[in-house]
């Protein structure tokens, strides 16, 4: 009995090519915010906006539903709904800078902020707010930020 392997090889090669092509056009390569650049070889898009504060979420809550131990609960951030993009921003890291204090902090997007009314506004949990603003009273701070 003779088995024709030529057809199997061609199908295997075609499947492999298709798999590699699909990996190359993954939706994960989509940019999170409009023309934001977050590849290491591109300079990042820097946003100028406002920052507000909110209470830390219990693990497993918030719109991204991250479970306990998957992020630093004091350094979570909610991002304005337009930038949240139906969850595409979940898990993204953001470097924020406060020119008033000179401090910078890195946070992880863990929630949507439907109450954020300013374009590209962020809403920080307590530890991140305190680190960035030198423990300023909770309120509104002017910041710049970018994805990292």
Protein backbone atom coordinates (compact mmCIF):
# COMPACT_ATOMS: atom_id res chain seq x y z
CA UNK A 1 0.00 0.00 0.00
CA UNK A 2 1.45 3.35 -1.05
CA UNK A 3 0.49 6.58 0.73
CA UNK A 4 0.56 9.85 -1.20
CA UNK A 5 2.33 12.31 1.11
CA UNK A 6 2.57 15.11 -1.45
CA UNK A 7 -1.00 16.26 -0.87
CA UNK A 8 -0.57 16.10 2.91
CA UNK A 9 2.62 18.15 2.76
CA UNK A 10 0.94 20.82 0.64
CA UNK A 11 -2.00 21.02 3.04
CA UNK A 12 0.39 21.22 6.00
CA UNK A 13 2.41 23.97 4.33
CA UNK A 14 -0.75 25.91 3.45
CA UNK A 15 -2.02 25.56 7.04
CA UNK A 16 1.30 26.78 8.40
CA UNK A 17 1.35 29.77 6.04
CA UNK A 18 -2.23 30.63 7.00
CA UNK A 19 -1.41 30.39 10.71
CA UNK A 20 1.63 32.68 10.34
CA UNK A 21 -0.41 35.17 8.28
CA UNK A 22 -3.20 35.22 10.88
CA UNK A 23 -0.70 35.89 13.66
CA UNK A 24 0.67 38.81 11.65
CA UNK A 25 -2.72 40.49 11.31
CA UNK A 26 -3.84 39.97 14.89
CA UNK A 27 -6.29 42.51 16.30
CA UNK A 28 -3.90 42.89 19.25
CA UNK A 29 -1.75 45.08 17.04
CA UNK A 30 -4.55 47.63 16.87
CA UNK A 31 -3.68 50.94 18.44
CA UNK A 32 -5.44 51.55 21.70
CA UNK A 33 -6.18 55.27 21.36
CA UNK A 34 -6.57 56.82 17.93
CA UNK A 35 -3.07 57.54 16.69
CA UNK A 36 -1.32 56.47 19.88
CA UNK A 37 2.06 54.86 19.31
CA UNK A 38 3.28 52.35 21.85
CA UNK A 39 5.89 50.35 19.94
CA UNK A 40 9.31 50.75 21.52
CA UNK A 41 10.83 52.17 18.33
CA UNK A 42 8.23 54.92 17.98
CA UNK A 43 8.07 57.98 20.21
CA UNK A 44 4.88 57.70 22.26
CA UNK A 45 1.87 59.93 21.78
CA UNK A 46 1.74 62.18 24.86
CA UNK A 47 -1.65 63.35 26.10
CA UNK A 48 -2.24 66.46 28.20
CA UNK A 49 -5.29 66.06 30.40
CA UNK A 50 -6.65 65.99 33.92
CA UNK A 51 -6.38 63.40 36.63
CA UNK A 52 -8.95 62.59 39.30
CA UNK A 53 -9.01 60.07 42.14
CA UNK A 54 -11.22 57.11 43.01
CA UNK A 55 -11.26 54.38 45.67
CA UNK A 56 -9.40 51.17 44.95
CA UNK A 57 -11.55 48.45 43.46
CA UNK A 58 -12.02 45.07 45.05
CA UNK A 59 -10.24 42.43 42.91
CA UNK A 60 -12.51 40.99 40.25
CA UNK A 61 -14.58 44.17 39.96
CA UNK A 62 -14.26 47.09 37.59
CA UNK A 63 -14.82 46.80 33.89
CA UNK A 64 -11.64 44.80 33.22
CA UNK A 65 -12.44 42.18 35.93
CA UNK A 66 -8.81 41.51 36.90
CA UNK A 67 -8.60 39.00 39.72
CA UNK A 68 -6.61 39.37 42.94
CA UNK A 69 -2.87 39.29 42.44
CA UNK A 70 -2.92 40.29 38.79
CA UNK A 71 -2.20 43.99 39.38
CA UNK A 72 -1.10 46.34 42.15
CA UNK A 73 -4.44 47.46 43.58
CA UNK A 74 -3.11 50.89 44.57
CA UNK A 75 -1.79 51.56 41.09
CA UNK A 76 -4.85 50.85 38.98
CA UNK A 77 -6.39 53.47 36.74
CA UNK A 78 -9.69 54.09 35.05
CA UNK A 79 -9.49 55.65 31.61
CA UNK A 80 -12.01 57.88 29.83
CA UNK A 81 -14.61 55.89 27.90
CA UNK A 82 -13.41 57.03 24.47
CA UNK A 83 -9.90 55.79 25.30
CA UNK A 84 -11.19 52.62 27.00
CA UNK A 85 -12.47 51.47 23.60
CA UNK A 86 -14.84 48.78 24.86
CA UNK A 87 -12.07 47.10 26.86
CA UNK A 88 -9.18 47.21 24.39
CA UNK A 89 -7.23 49.36 26.87
CA UNK A 90 -7.59 46.82 29.72
CA UNK A 91 -4.19 45.85 31.02
CA UNK A 92 -2.33 48.61 29.21
CA UNK A 93 0.33 50.41 31.23
CA UNK A 94 0.43 54.19 31.39
CA UNK A 95 3.25 56.50 32.48
CA UNK A 96 1.84 59.71 33.97
CA UNK A 97 3.80 62.85 34.80
CA UNK A 98 2.81 65.76 37.04
CA UNK A 99 4.77 68.89 36.07
CA UNK A 100 3.80 70.60 39.34
CA UNK A 101 5.49 67.99 41.54
CA UNK A 102 7.95 66.63 38.98
CA UNK A 103 6.79 63.11 39.89
CA UNK A 104 6.02 60.28 37.51
CA UNK A 105 4.17 57.02 38.12
CA UNK A 106 3.26 53.96 36.06
CA UNK A 107 -0.24 52.51 36.41
CA UNK A 108 -2.28 49.77 34.78
CA UNK A 109 -5.69 50.32 33.17
CA UNK A 110 -8.17 48.27 35.20
CA UNK A 111 -11.42 50.15 34.66
CA UNK A 112 -13.50 52.40 32.45
CA UNK A 113 -14.27 55.95 33.62
CA UNK A 114 -17.70 56.94 32.25
CA UNK A 115 -17.76 59.99 34.56
CA UNK A 116 -14.51 61.36 33.12
CA UNK A 117 -15.57 64.43 31.17
CA UNK A 118 -12.22 65.68 29.84
CA UNK A 119 -10.62 64.11 26.76
CA UNK A 120 -8.01 61.49 27.75
CA UNK A 121 -8.80 61.95 31.46
CA UNK A 122 -7.49 59.37 33.92
CA UNK A 123 -8.84 58.40 37.32
CA UNK A 124 -6.18 56.99 39.70
CA UNK A 125 -6.46 54.80 42.74
CA UNK A 126 -5.12 56.15 46.02
CA UNK A 127 -1.46 55.00 46.08
CA UNK A 128 -0.89 56.19 42.51
CA UNK A 129 -2.59 59.54 43.22
CA UNK A 130 -0.44 60.06 46.32
CA UNK A 131 2.80 59.10 44.56
CA UNK A 132 2.13 61.44 41.64
CA UNK A 133 0.78 64.44 43.56
CA UNK A 134 2.90 64.25 46.74
CA UNK A 135 -0.18 63.31 48.80
CA UNK A 136 -2.21 66.30 47.62
CA UNK A 137 -5.84 66.45 48.70
CA UNK A 138 -8.04 64.44 46.36
CA UNK A 139 -9.35 66.58 43.54
CA UNK A 140 -8.13 67.39 40.03
CA UNK A 141 -4.52 67.55 38.82
CA UNK A 142 -3.15 68.51 35.42
CA UNK A 143 -0.96 65.79 33.93
CA UNK A 144 0.64 64.43 30.80
CA UNK A 145 0.61 60.71 30.08
CA UNK A 146 1.42 58.08 27.49
CA UNK A 147 1.14 54.34 27.01
CA UNK A 148 4.27 52.36 27.88
